[in-house]
C-alpha atoms as a PDB file:
ATOM      1  CA  UNK A   1    -146.968 -97.474 -71.432  1.00  0.00           C
ATOM      2  CA  UNK A   2    -143.060 -97.087 -72.550  1.00  0.00           C
ATOM      3  CA  UNK A   3    -142.636 -98.976 -75.849  1.00  0.00           C
ATOM      4  CA  UNK A   4    -138.850 -99.244 -76.009  1.00  0.00           C
ATOM      5  CA  UNK A   5    -136.965-102.496 -74.950  1.00  0.00           C
ATOM      6  CA  UNK A   6    -134.787-102.364 -71.812  1.00  0.00           C
ATOM      7  CA  UNK A   7    -132.456-104.969 -70.837  1.00  0.00           C
ATOM      8  CA  UNK A   8    -133.036-105.662 -67.002  1.00  0.00           C
ATOM      9  CA  UNK A   9    -130.069-106.974 -64.831  1.00  0.00           C
ATOM     10  CA  UNK A  10    -130.185-108.064 -61.210  1.00  0.00           C
ATOM     11  CA  UNK A  11    -127.184-107.485 -59.373  1.00  0.00           C
ATOM     12  CA  UNK A  12    -125.916-107.321 -55.854  1.00  0.00           C
ATOM     13  CA  UNK A  13    -124.053-104.317 -54.617  1.00  0.00           C
ATOM     14  CA  UNK A  14    -123.153-102.977 -51.185  1.00  0.00           C
ATOM     15  CA  UNK A  15    -123.485 -99.307 -50.487  1.00  0.00           C
ATOM     16  CA  UNK A  16    -123.351 -97.326 -47.276  1.00  0.00           C
ATOM     17  CA  UNK A  17    -126.798 -96.168 -46.321  1.00  0.00           C
ATOM     18  CA  UNK A  18    -127.192 -95.996 -42.480  1.00  0.00           C
ATOM     19  CA  UNK A  19    -124.903 -99.174 -42.357  1.00  0.00           C
ATOM     20  CA  UNK A  20    -127.387-101.128 -44.266  1.00  0.00           C
ATOM     21  CA  UNK A  21    -126.264-103.315 -47.191  1.00  0.00           C
ATOM     22  CA  UNK A  22    -128.497-102.957 -50.190  1.00  0.00           C
ATOM     23  CA  UNK A  23    -129.026-104.773 -53.534  1.00  0.00           C
ATOM     24  CA  UNK A  24    -130.153-102.991 -56.627  1.00  0.00           C
ATOM     25  CA  UNK A  25    -132.411-104.065 -59.580  1.00  0.00           C
ATOM     26  CA  UNK A  26    -131.676-102.092 -62.688  1.00  0.00           C
ATOM     27  CA  UNK A  27    -133.990-101.174 -65.409  1.00  0.00           C
ATOM     28  CA  UNK A  28    -131.892 -99.625 -68.119  1.00  0.00           C
ATOM     29  CA  UNK A  29    -130.511 -96.399 -66.222  1.00  0.00           C
ATOM     30  CA  UNK A  30    -133.094 -96.676 -63.513  1.00  0.00           C
ATOM     31  CA  UNK A  31    -132.710 -98.498 -60.190  1.00  0.00           C
ATOM     32  CA  UNK A  32    -134.716-100.126 -57.397  1.00  0.00           C
ATOM     33  CA  UNK A  33    -132.626-100.401 -54.076  1.00  0.00           C
ATOM     34  CA  UNK A  34    -133.772-102.722 -51.581  1.00  0.00           C
ATOM     35  CA  UNK A  35    -132.382-104.553 -48.374  1.00  0.00           C
ATOM     36  CA  UNK A  36    -129.901-107.156 -49.536  1.00  0.00           C
ATOM     37  CA  UNK A  37    -130.499-109.975 -46.973  1.00  0.00           C
ATOM     38  CA  UNK A  38    -134.229-109.984 -46.939  1.00  0.00           C
ATOM     39  CA  UNK A  39    -134.997-112.060 -50.012  1.00  0.00           C
ATOM     40  CA  UNK A  40    -136.870-109.367 -51.735  1.00  0.00           C
ATOM     41  CA  UNK A  41    -135.351-110.057 -55.388  1.00  0.00           C
ATOM     42  CA  UNK A  42    -138.638-111.061 -57.195  1.00  0.00           C
ATOM     43  CA  UNK A  43    -140.503-108.039 -55.419  1.00  0.00           C
ATOM     44  CA  UNK A  44    -137.824-105.575 -56.624  1.00  0.00           C
ATOM     45  CA  UNK A  45    -137.999-107.023 -60.166  1.00  0.00           C
ATOM     46  CA  UNK A  46    -141.833-106.640 -60.335  1.00  0.00           C
ATOM     47  CA  UNK A  47    -141.590-103.196 -58.887  1.00  0.00           C
ATOM     48  CA  UNK A  48    -138.851-102.177 -61.503  1.00  0.00           C
ATOM     49  CA  UNK A  49    -140.812-103.374 -64.372  1.00  0.00           C
ATOM     50  CA  UNK A  50    -144.149-101.926 -63.219  1.00  0.00           C
ATOM     51  CA  UNK A  51    -142.452 -98.475 -62.833  1.00  0.00           C
ATOM     52  CA  UNK A  52    -140.853 -98.781 -66.367  1.00  0.00           C
ATOM     53  CA  UNK A  53    -144.191 -99.760 -67.953  1.00  0.00           C
ATOM     54  CA  UNK A  54    -146.159 -97.168 -66.112  1.00  0.00           C
ATOM     55  CA  UNK A  55    -143.675 -94.597 -67.288  1.00  0.00           C
ATOM     56  CA  UNK A  56    -142.272 -93.445 -63.768  1.00  0.00           C
ATOM     57  CA  UNK A  57    -138.854 -95.110 -64.635  1.00  0.00           C
ATOM     58  CA  UNK A  58    -137.946 -93.142 -67.941  1.00  0.00           C
ATOM     59  CA  UNK A  59    -134.354 -94.614 -68.486  1.00  0.00           C
ATOM     60  CA  UNK A  60    -132.731 -91.196 -67.114  1.00  0.00           C
ATOM     61  CA  UNK A  61    -131.220 -92.703 -63.930  1.00  0.00           C
ATOM     62  CA  UNK A  62    -134.424 -92.420 -61.556  1.00  0.00           C
ATOM     63  CA  UNK A  63    -133.919 -94.254 -58.331  1.00  0.00           C
ATOM     64  CA  UNK A  64    -136.382 -95.590 -55.636  1.00  0.00           C
ATOM     65  CA  UNK A  65    -135.900 -97.565 -52.467  1.00  0.00           C
ATOM     66  CA  UNK A  66    -138.156-100.407 -51.523  1.00  0.00           C
ATOM     67  CA  UNK A  67    -138.554-101.760 -47.819  1.00  0.00           C
ATOM     68  CA  UNK A  68    -140.667-104.522 -46.311  1.00  0.00           C
ATOM     69  CA  UNK A  69    -141.702-104.385 -42.667  1.00  0.00           C
ATOM     70  CA  UNK A  70    -143.941-107.144 -41.453  1.00  0.00           C
ATOM     71  CA  UNK A  71    -146.721-107.543 -44.109  1.00  0.00           C
ATOM     72  CA  UNK A  72    -146.281-103.869 -45.283  1.00  0.00           C
ATOM     73  CA  UNK A  73    -144.373-102.845 -48.345  1.00  0.00           C
ATOM     74  CA  UNK A  74    -142.868 -99.233 -48.532  1.00  0.00           C
ATOM     75  CA  UNK A  75    -141.884 -97.691 -51.674  1.00  0.00           C
ATOM     76  CA  UNK A  76    -139.642 -94.607 -51.234  1.00  0.00           C
ATOM     77  CA  UNK A  77    -139.554 -91.890 -53.717  1.00  0.00           C
ATOM     78  CA  UNK A  78    -137.456 -88.819 -53.973  1.00  0.00           C
ATOM     79  CA  UNK A  79    -139.408 -85.577 -53.939  1.00  0.00           C
ATOM     80  CA  UNK A  80    -139.177 -81.831 -52.891  1.00  0.00           C
ATOM     81  CA  UNK A  81    -140.807 -80.828 -49.671  1.00  0.00           C
ATOM     82  CA  UNK A  82    -142.747 -78.388 -51.788  1.00  0.00           C
ATOM     83  CA  UNK A  83    -144.841 -81.454 -52.859  1.00  0.00           C
ATOM     84  CA  UNK A  84    -146.726 -81.291 -49.546  1.00  0.00           C
ATOM     85  CA  UNK A  85    -148.514 -78.244 -50.746  1.00  0.00           C
ATOM     86  CA  UNK A  86    -149.407 -79.700 -54.047  1.00  0.00           C
ATOM     87  CA  UNK A  87    -152.726 -81.393 -53.559  1.00  0.00           C
ATOM     88  CA  UNK A  88    -152.843 -83.004 -56.974  1.00  0.00           C
ATOM     89  CA  UNK A  89    -149.539 -84.619 -56.464  1.00  0.00           C
ATOM     90  CA  UNK A  90    -150.227 -86.077 -53.313  1.00  0.00           C
ATOM     91  CA  UNK A  91    -153.690 -87.414 -54.654  1.00  0.00           C
ATOM     92  CA  UNK A  92    -151.777 -89.072 -57.258  1.00  0.00           C
ATOM     93  CA  UNK A  93    -149.465 -90.797 -54.642  1.00  0.00           C
ATOM     94  CA  UNK A  94    -152.367 -92.053 -52.839  1.00  0.00           C
ATOM     95  CA  UNK A  95    -153.832 -93.555 -56.004  1.00  0.00           C
ATOM     96  CA  UNK A  96    -150.373 -95.109 -56.606  1.00  0.00           C
ATOM     97  CA  UNK A  97    -150.638 -96.841 -53.439  1.00  0.00           C
ATOM     98  CA  UNK A  98    -153.577 -98.779 -54.790  1.00  0.00           C
ATOM     99  CA  UNK A  99    -151.700 -99.658 -57.843  1.00  0.00           C
ATOM    100  CA  UNK A 100    -148.641-100.881 -56.232  1.00  0.00           C
ATOM    101  CA  UNK A 101    -150.517-102.896 -53.846  1.00  0.00           C
ATOM    102  CA  UNK A 102    -152.772-104.799 -56.371  1.00  0.00           C
ATOM    103  CA  UNK A 103    -150.293-105.023 -59.124  1.00  0.00           C
ATOM    104  CA  UNK A 104    -147.003-105.444 -57.793  1.00  0.00           C
ATOM    105  CA  UNK A 105    -147.209-106.774 -54.288  1.00  0.00           C
ATOM    106  CA  UNK A 106    -150.232-109.125 -54.719  1.00  0.00           C
ATOM    107  CA  UNK A 107    -152.518-107.414 -52.247  1.00  0.00           C
ATOM    108  CA  UNK A 108    -150.062-106.613 -49.258  1.00  0.00           C
ATOM    109  CA  UNK A 109    -150.533-103.100 -47.750  1.00  0.00           C
ATOM    110  CA  UNK A 110    -148.515-100.734 -49.670  1.00  0.00           C
ATOM    111  CA  UNK A 111    -147.383 -97.415 -48.305  1.00  0.00           C
ATOM    112  CA  UNK A 112    -145.408 -94.622 -50.181  1.00  0.00           C
ATOM    113  CA  UNK A 113    -142.746 -92.543 -48.309  1.00  0.00           C
ATOM    114  CA  UNK A 114    -141.751 -89.215 -49.952  1.00  0.00           C
ATOM    115  CA  UNK A 115    -137.888 -88.747 -49.286  1.00  0.00           C
ATOM    116  CA  UNK A 116    -135.079 -86.350 -49.558  1.00  0.00           C
ATOM    117  CA  UNK A 117    -132.093 -87.420 -51.882  1.00  0.00           C
ATOM    118  CA  UNK A 118    -130.657 -89.593 -49.147  1.00  0.00           C
ATOM    119  CA  UNK A 119    -133.942 -91.530 -48.800  1.00  0.00           C
ATOM    120  CA  UNK A 120    -134.763 -89.976 -45.545  1.00  0.00           C
ATOM    121  CA  UNK A 121    -138.648 -89.866 -45.162  1.00  0.00           C
ATOM    122  CA  UNK A 122    -140.345 -86.537 -44.786  1.00  0.00           C
ATOM    123  CA  UNK A 123    -143.915 -87.610 -45.431  1.00  0.00           C
ATOM    124  CA  UNK A 124    -145.801 -90.764 -45.310  1.00  0.00           C
ATOM    125  CA  UNK A 125    -148.581 -91.629 -47.855  1.00  0.00           C
ATOM    126  CA  UNK A 126    -150.543 -94.609 -46.305  1.00  0.00           C
ATOM    127  CA  UNK A 127    -152.215 -97.185 -48.551  1.00  0.00           C
ATOM    128  CA  UNK A 128    -155.618 -95.788 -49.922  1.00  0.00           C
ATOM    129  CA  UNK A 129    -157.261 -99.111 -49.984  1.00  0.00           C
ATOM    130  CA  UNK A 130    -159.533-100.361 -47.196  1.00  0.00           C
ATOM    131  CA  UNK A 131    -158.398-103.731 -45.770  1.00  0.00           C
ATOM    132  CA  UNK A 132    -161.144-105.611 -47.779  1.00  0.00           C
ATOM    133  CA  UNK A 133    -159.870-104.138 -50.976  1.00  0.00           C
ATOM    134  CA  UNK A 134    -156.218-105.059 -50.568  1.00  0.00           C
ATOM    135  CA  UNK A 135    -156.148-107.959 -52.858  1.00  0.00           C
ATOM    136  CA  UNK A 136    -154.178-108.874 -56.044  1.00  0.00           C
ATOM    137  CA  UNK A 137    -155.836-107.311 -59.273  1.00  0.00           C
ATOM    138  CA  UNK A 138    -154.638-106.821 -62.737  1.00  0.00           C
ATOM    139  CA  UNK A 139    -154.927-103.248 -63.997  1.00  0.00           C
ATOM    140  CA  UNK A 140    -156.076-102.505 -67.846  1.00  0.00           C
ATOM    141  CA  UNK A 141    -155.902 -99.203 -69.412  1.00  0.00           C
ATOM    142  CA  UNK A 142    -159.097 -98.590 -71.301  1.00  0.00           C
ATOM    143  CA  UNK A 143    -159.207 -95.484 -73.198  1.00  0.00           C
ATOM    144  CA  UNK A 144    -157.077 -93.577 -70.709  1.00  0.00           C
ATOM    145  CA  UNK A 145    -159.084 -94.997 -67.833  1.00  0.00           C
ATOM    146  CA  UNK A 146    -158.193 -97.814 -65.363  1.00  0.00           C
ATOM    147  CA  UNK A 147    -160.101-101.045 -65.135  1.00  0.00           C
ATOM    148  CA  UNK A 148    -158.925-103.457 -62.479  1.00  0.00           C
ATOM    149  CA  UNK A 149    -160.015-107.101 -62.697  1.00  0.00           C
ATOM    150  CA  UNK A 150    -159.542-110.207 -60.766  1.00  0.00           C
ATOM    151  CA  UNK A 151    -157.834-113.418 -61.732  1.00  0.00           C
ATOM    152  CA  UNK A 152    -161.370-114.978 -61.422  1.00  0.00           C
ATOM    153  CA  UNK A 153    -162.371-112.898 -64.644  1.00  0.00           C
ATOM    154  CA  UNK A 154    -162.155-114.701 -68.012  1.00  0.00           C
ATOM    155  CA  UNK A 155    -160.464-112.932 -70.816  1.00  0.00           C
ATOM    156  CA  UNK A 156    -163.529-113.011 -73.005  1.00  0.00           C
ATOM    157  CA  UNK A 157    -165.682-111.388 -70.427  1.00  0.00           C
ATOM    158  CA  UNK A 158    -163.174-108.850 -69.651  1.00  0.00           C
ATOM    159  CA  UNK A 159    -163.048-107.794 -73.446  1.00  0.00           C
ATOM    160  CA  UNK A 160    -166.858-107.684 -73.672  1.00  0.00           C
ATOM    161  CA  UNK A 161    -167.015-105.429 -70.723  1.00  0.00           C
ATOM    162  CA  UNK A 162    -164.371-103.142 -71.725  1.00  0.00           C
ATOM    163  CA  UNK A 163    -165.591-102.812 -75.144  1.00  0.00           C
ATOM    164  CA  UNK A 164    -168.992-102.072 -73.692  1.00  0.00           C
ATOM    165  CA  UNK A 165    -167.806 -99.371 -71.338  1.00  0.00           C
ATOM    166  CA  UNK A 166    -166.314 -97.457 -74.322  1.00  0.00           C
ATOM    167  CA  UNK A 167    -169.334 -97.994 -76.625  1.00  0.00           C
ATOM    168  CA  UNK A 168    -171.571 -96.951 -73.643  1.00  0.00           C
ATOM    169  CA  UNK A 169    -169.436 -93.781 -72.982  1.00  0.00           C
ATOM    170  CA  UNK A 170    -168.810 -94.823 -69.472  1.00  0.00           C
ATOM    171  CA  UNK A 171    -165.267 -94.653 -70.297  1.00  0.00           C
ATOM    172  CA  UNK A 172    -164.476 -91.432 -72.366  1.00  0.00           C
ATOM    173  CA  UNK A 173    -161.080 -90.664 -73.697  1.00  0.00           C
ATOM    174  CA  UNK A 174    -158.513 -89.988 -70.899  1.00  0.00           C
ATOM    175  CA  UNK A 175    -161.040 -89.176 -68.112  1.00  0.00           C
ATOM    176  CA  UNK A 176    -159.002 -91.240 -65.507  1.00  0.00           C
ATOM    177  CA  UNK A 177    -162.198 -93.026 -64.209  1.00  0.00           C
ATOM    178  CA  UNK A 178    -161.320 -96.052 -61.841  1.00  0.00           C
ATOM    179  CA  UNK A 179    -163.347 -99.094 -61.885  1.00  0.00           C
ATOM    180  CA  UNK A 180    -163.201-102.800 -60.934  1.00  0.00           C
ATOM    181  CA  UNK A 181    -164.495-105.858 -62.145  1.00  0.00           C
ATOM    182  CA  UNK A 182    -164.718-109.089 -60.173  1.00  0.00           C
ATOM    183  CA  UNK A 183    -166.602-112.351 -60.298  1.00  0.00           C
ATOM    184  CA  UNK A 184    -167.832-114.654 -57.427  1.00  0.00           C
ATOM    185  CA  UNK A 185    -169.776-118.016 -57.664  1.00  0.00           C
ATOM    186  CA  UNK A 186    -173.181-116.163 -57.935  1.00  0.00           C
ATOM    187  CA  UNK A 187    -172.562-112.739 -59.433  1.00  0.00           C
ATOM    188  CA  UNK A 188    -170.234-110.317 -61.326  1.00  0.00           C
ATOM    189  CA  UNK A 189    -169.284-107.259 -59.559  1.00  0.00           C
ATOM    190  CA  UNK A 190    -168.692-103.964 -61.128  1.00  0.00           C
ATOM    191  CA  UNK A 191    -167.307-101.353 -58.721  1.00  0.00           C
ATOM    192  CA  UNK A 192    -166.471 -97.714 -59.586  1.00  0.00           C
ATOM    193  CA  UNK A 193    -165.597 -94.401 -57.923  1.00  0.00           C
ATOM    194  CA  UNK A 194    -168.092 -91.471 -57.761  1.00  0.00           C
ATOM    195  CA  UNK A 195    -167.696 -87.885 -56.620  1.00  0.00           C
ATOM    196  CA  UNK A 196    -168.648 -86.748 -53.144  1.00  0.00           C
ATOM    197  CA  UNK A 197    -171.421 -84.672 -54.627  1.00  0.00           C
ATOM    198  CA  UNK A 198    -172.804 -87.770 -56.372  1.00  0.00           C
ATOM    199  CA  UNK A 199    -172.506 -89.690 -53.030  1.00  0.00           C
ATOM    200  CA  UNK A 200    -175.149 -87.561 -51.568  1.00  0.00           C
ATOM    201  CA  UNK A 201    -177.451 -87.751 -54.549  1.00  0.00           C
ATOM    202  CA  UNK A 202    -180.150 -90.559 -53.950  1.00  0.00           C
ATOM    203  CA  UNK A 203    -180.737 -90.607 -57.804  1.00  0.00           C
ATOM    204  CA  UNK A 204    -177.261 -92.422 -58.185  1.00  0.00           C
ATOM    205  CA  UNK A 205    -178.732 -95.445 -56.473  1.00  0.00           C
ATOM    206  CA  UNK A 206    -181.370 -95.671 -59.065  1.00  0.00           C
ATOM    207  CA  UNK A 207    -178.752 -95.179 -61.591  1.00  0.00           C
ATOM    208  CA  UNK A 208    -176.694 -98.115 -60.067  1.00  0.00           C
ATOM    209  CA  UNK A 209    -179.694-100.350 -60.346  1.00  0.00           C
ATOM    210  CA  UNK A 210    -180.403 -99.517 -63.809  1.00  0.00           C
ATOM    211  CA  UNK A 211    -176.713-100.150 -64.809  1.00  0.00           C
ATOM    212  CA  UNK A 212    -176.499-103.500 -63.150  1.00  0.00           C
ATOM    213  CA  UNK A 213    -179.440-104.377 -65.408  1.00  0.00           C
ATOM    214  CA  UNK A 214    -177.676-103.048 -68.505  1.00  0.00           C
ATOM    215  CA  UNK A 215    -174.632-104.909 -67.820  1.00  0.00           C
ATOM    216  CA  UNK A 216    -176.489-108.093 -67.117  1.00  0.00           C
ATOM    217  CA  UNK A 217    -178.313-107.733 -70.390  1.00  0.00           C
ATOM    218  CA  UNK A 218    -175.677-106.502 -72.551  1.00  0.00           C
ATOM    219  CA  UNK A 219    -172.513-108.161 -71.417  1.00  0.00           C
ATOM    220  CA  UNK A 220    -173.292-111.384 -69.366  1.00  0.00           C
ATOM    221  CA  UNK A 221    -176.370-112.730 -71.045  1.00  0.00           C
ATOM    222  CA  UNK A 222    -178.569-112.127 -68.087  1.00  0.00           C
ATOM    223  CA  UNK A 223    -176.258-113.472 -65.348  1.00  0.00           C
ATOM    224  CA  UNK A 224    -176.594-111.603 -62.057  1.00  0.00           C
ATOM    225  CA  UNK A 225    -174.527-108.320 -61.578  1.00  0.00           C
ATOM    226  CA  UNK A 226    -174.153-106.115 -58.724  1.00  0.00           C
ATOM    227  CA  UNK A 227    -172.885-102.589 -58.885  1.00  0.00           C
ATOM    228  CA  UNK A 228    -171.015-100.976 -56.173  1.00  0.00           C
ATOM    229  CA  UNK A 229    -170.592 -97.118 -55.669  1.00  0.00           C
ATOM    230  CA  UNK A 230    -167.345 -96.243 -53.982  1.00  0.00           C
ATOM    231  CA  UNK A 231    -165.697 -93.255 -52.665  1.00  0.00           C
ATOM    232  CA  UNK A 232    -162.222 -92.197 -53.611  1.00  0.00           C
ATOM    233  CA  UNK A 233    -160.805 -94.529 -51.228  1.00  0.00           C
ATOM    234  CA  UNK A 234    -162.449 -97.401 -53.031  1.00  0.00           C
ATOM    235  CA  UNK A 235    -164.893 -98.193 -50.113  1.00  0.00           C
ATOM    236  CA  UNK A 236    -168.372 -99.073 -50.992  1.00  0.00           C
ATOM    237  CA  UNK A 237    -170.696 -96.445 -49.895  1.00  0.00           C
ATOM    238  CA  UNK A 238    -173.791 -98.330 -51.810  1.00  0.00           C
ATOM    239  CA  UNK A 239    -174.285-101.828 -53.280  1.00  0.00           C
ATOM    240  CA  UNK A 240    -177.154-103.176 -55.221  1.00  0.00           C
ATOM    241  CA  UNK A 241    -178.388-106.621 -54.919  1.00  0.00           C
ATOM    242  CA  UNK A 242    -177.573-109.061 -57.713  1.00  0.00           C
ATOM    243  CA  UNK A 243    -179.668-107.941 -60.777  1.00  0.00           C
ATOM    244  CA  UNK A 244    -180.201-110.168 -63.867  1.00  0.00           C
ATOM    245  CA  UNK A 245    -182.957-112.287 -65.481  1.00  0.00           C
END
């Protein structure tokens, strides 16, 4: 998280880019460009502030462009074509589509386009989230890991869970683990990503059942909990029934 204070200014400018008039939202020295006539001011502001807080915008003149086509948002990032051979970078971009979808664009499908300097796209990174998971969630950094939570989650429950996950060594320092916490009328849902190797190990289903019981007992006073094991695209591959007292 960037700790410095930046004054953000929303201004309208007209620049030549394929004949399209663009507005800009500036965050310090960094800029989000977006179509001037499409009423995307609030979306551009959320994107700019998210990129600042996440560290992508670093007050050095970074620029991104944002579009909306029907119900899909597109975030255009400048990159070198060498990025296409960098598997780790492409994986980060895929993960970033989920963060942008949930935390910036209220669950709307979000794609990333990697572009040349003139924002001409050379590679599309589609939204990693399956349709059922494209919903607004907030993200919380817990010990260098990301815990998503829905608006239905109460602040006290979120703190109890996050503290437990650290204490239980589920979230160890800077492991980059991705998990989600949601609440429905009849249960709490805890979802997390497991490796491909773990997906094929039936022992993990037993572990999931045991962990649902531990969460129920340790965090939620015996209330029912369901644990979902997910692949890297955040698609559930195994779901426990509600476990509780």
